[in-house]
Amino acid sequence: SPLPCLSLQEVGPTMVGDEHSDPSLMSFLGATKRNMLGNHFWEYYVNDAPRIVLNKLESCGYRVVSMTGVGQTLVWCLHKE
């Protein structure tokens, strides 16, 4: 299943999921669930830099499929077979 992973900065925090993400994977990443003021949804984030998150996800079998930049936000799309 695809897993979007995005970051607001190259050093962190890294957004790693939404309210429907796998709780066990979010726990493995050490993610915290939060609701930002004004948003009507929850998100998971970690304070780690994206490279640390990507390394952890690789150890679980995820592979980067694509990456792009949107403004100052970096977005990675990963897939696990």
C-alpha atoms as a PDB file:
ATOM      1  CA  SER A   1       0.000   0.000   0.000  1.00  0.00           C
ATOM      2  CA  PRO A   2       1.305   3.497  -0.801  1.00  0.00           C
ATOM      3  CA  LEU A   3       2.468   5.704   2.030  1.00  0.00           C
ATOM      4  CA  PRO A   4       2.910   9.437   1.458  1.00  0.00           C
ATOM      5  CA  CYS A   5       5.691  11.005   3.467  1.00  0.00           C
ATOM      6  CA  LEU A   6       6.150  14.735   3.432  1.00  0.00           C
ATOM      7  CA  SER A   7       8.321  17.263   5.155  1.00  0.00           C
ATOM      8  CA  LEU A   8       8.070  21.001   5.718  1.00  0.00           C
ATOM      9  CA  GLN A   9      11.835  21.321   6.145  1.00  0.00           C
ATOM     10  CA  GLU A  10      14.844  19.212   5.273  1.00  0.00           C
ATOM     11  CA  VAL A  11      15.715  18.921   8.970  1.00  0.00           C
ATOM     12  CA  GLY A  12      12.261  18.097  10.322  1.00  0.00           C
ATOM     13  CA  PRO A  13       9.577  17.830  11.454  1.00  0.00           C
ATOM     14  CA  THR A  14       8.500  15.171   8.999  1.00  0.00           C
ATOM     15  CA  MET A  15       4.816  14.479   8.460  1.00  0.00           C
ATOM     16  CA  VAL A  16       4.469  10.717   8.103  1.00  0.00           C
ATOM     17  CA  GLY A  17       0.758   9.969   7.984  1.00  0.00           C
ATOM     18  CA  ASP A  18      -2.833  10.980   8.418  1.00  0.00           C
ATOM     19  CA  GLU A  19      -5.602   9.881  10.767  1.00  0.00           C
ATOM     20  CA  HIS A  20      -6.128   6.691   8.719  1.00  0.00           C
ATOM     21  CA  SER A  21      -2.475   5.550   8.819  1.00  0.00           C
ATOM     22  CA  ASP A  22      -1.436   2.185  10.260  1.00  0.00           C
ATOM     23  CA  PRO A  23      -1.050   2.763  14.040  1.00  0.00           C
ATOM     24  CA  SER A  24       1.660   0.103  14.372  1.00  0.00           C
ATOM     25  CA  LEU A  25       3.752   1.721  11.619  1.00  0.00           C
ATOM     26  CA  MET A  26       3.258   5.153  13.185  1.00  0.00           C
ATOM     27  CA  SER A  27       4.414   3.704  16.520  1.00  0.00           C
ATOM     28  CA  PHE A  28       7.491   2.163  14.854  1.00  0.00           C
ATOM     29  CA  LEU A  29       8.382   5.590  13.443  1.00  0.00           C
ATOM     30  CA  GLY A  30       7.862   7.190  16.862  1.00  0.00           C
ATOM     31  CA  ALA A  31       5.174   9.453  15.416  1.00  0.00           C
ATOM     32  CA  THR A  32       2.880  11.715  17.396  1.00  0.00           C
ATOM     33  CA  LYS A  33      -0.702  12.408  16.316  1.00  0.00           C
ATOM     34  CA  ARG A  34      -1.752  16.061  16.259  1.00  0.00           C
ATOM     35  CA  ASN A  35      -4.431  18.400  14.974  1.00  0.00           C
ATOM     36  CA  MET A  36      -3.151  21.789  13.836  1.00  0.00           C
ATOM     37  CA  LEU A  37      -5.349  24.784  14.640  1.00  0.00           C
ATOM     38  CA  GLY A  38      -7.726  25.432  11.761  1.00  0.00           C
ATOM     39  CA  ASN A  39      -7.375  21.965  10.218  1.00  0.00           C
ATOM     40  CA  HIS A  40     -10.276  19.529  10.242  1.00  0.00           C
ATOM     41  CA  PHE A  41      -7.996  16.486  10.142  1.00  0.00           C
ATOM     42  CA  TRP A  42      -5.301  14.796  12.206  1.00  0.00           C
ATOM     43  CA  GLU A  43      -1.734  14.084  11.104  1.00  0.00           C
ATOM     44  CA  TYR A  44       1.209  12.078  12.391  1.00  0.00           C
ATOM     45  CA  TYR A  45       4.634  13.686  12.575  1.00  0.00           C
ATOM     46  CA  VAL A  46       8.117  13.003  13.915  1.00  0.00           C
ATOM     47  CA  ASN A  47      10.872  15.461  14.740  1.00  0.00           C
ATOM     48  CA  ASP A  48      13.379  13.390  12.732  1.00  0.00           C
ATOM     49  CA  ALA A  49      14.757  14.580   9.411  1.00  0.00           C
ATOM     50  CA  PRO A  50      13.251  12.912   6.325  1.00  0.00           C
ATOM     51  CA  ARG A  51      16.427  10.858   5.659  1.00  0.00           C
ATOM     52  CA  ILE A  52      16.055   9.171   9.065  1.00  0.00           C
ATOM     53  CA  VAL A  53      12.369   8.413   8.412  1.00  0.00           C
ATOM     54  CA  LEU A  54      13.162   7.095   4.923  1.00  0.00           C
ATOM     55  CA  ASN A  55      15.881   4.820   6.339  1.00  0.00           C
ATOM     56  CA  LYS A  56      13.445   3.416   8.927  1.00  0.00           C
ATOM     57  CA  LEU A  57      10.796   2.821   6.243  1.00  0.00           C
ATOM     58  CA  GLU A  58      13.369   1.105   4.010  1.00  0.00           C
ATOM     59  CA  SER A  59      14.151  -1.300   6.851  1.00  0.00           C
ATOM     60  CA  CYS A  60      10.425  -2.240   6.804  1.00  0.00           C
ATOM     61  CA  GLY A  61      10.438  -2.940   3.067  1.00  0.00           C
ATOM     62  CA  TYR A  62       9.203   0.409   1.728  1.00  0.00           C
ATOM     63  CA  ARG A  63      10.839   1.842  -1.388  1.00  0.00           C
ATOM     64  CA  VAL A  64      10.711   5.393  -2.757  1.00  0.00           C
ATOM     65  CA  VAL A  65       8.609   5.505  -5.921  1.00  0.00           C
ATOM     66  CA  SER A  66       8.751   9.251  -6.565  1.00  0.00           C
ATOM     67  CA  MET A  67       9.707  12.557  -4.980  1.00  0.00           C
ATOM     68  CA  THR A  68       8.786  16.142  -5.775  1.00  0.00           C
ATOM     69  CA  GLY A  69       8.933  19.598  -4.293  1.00  0.00           C
ATOM     70  CA  VAL A  70       5.861  21.770  -3.747  1.00  0.00           C
ATOM     71  CA  GLY A  71       6.971  25.221  -2.643  1.00  0.00           C
ATOM     72  CA  GLN A  72       9.194  24.565   0.368  1.00  0.00           C
ATOM     73  CA  THR A  73       7.529  21.205   1.028  1.00  0.00           C
ATOM     74  CA  LEU A  74       9.165  17.969  -0.113  1.00  0.00           C
ATOM     75  CA  VAL A  75       6.901  14.998  -0.853  1.00  0.00           C
ATOM     76  CA  TRP A  76       7.965  11.354  -1.151  1.00  0.00           C
ATOM     77  CA  CYS A  77       5.704   8.551  -2.323  1.00  0.00           C
ATOM     78  CA  LEU A  78       6.681   5.101  -1.075  1.00  0.00           C
ATOM     79  CA  HIS A  79       5.403   1.598  -1.805  1.00  0.00           C
ATOM     80  CA  LYS A  80       5.677  -1.708   0.015  1.00  0.00           C
ATOM     81  CA  GLU A  81       5.074  -4.938  -1.880  1.00  0.00           C
END
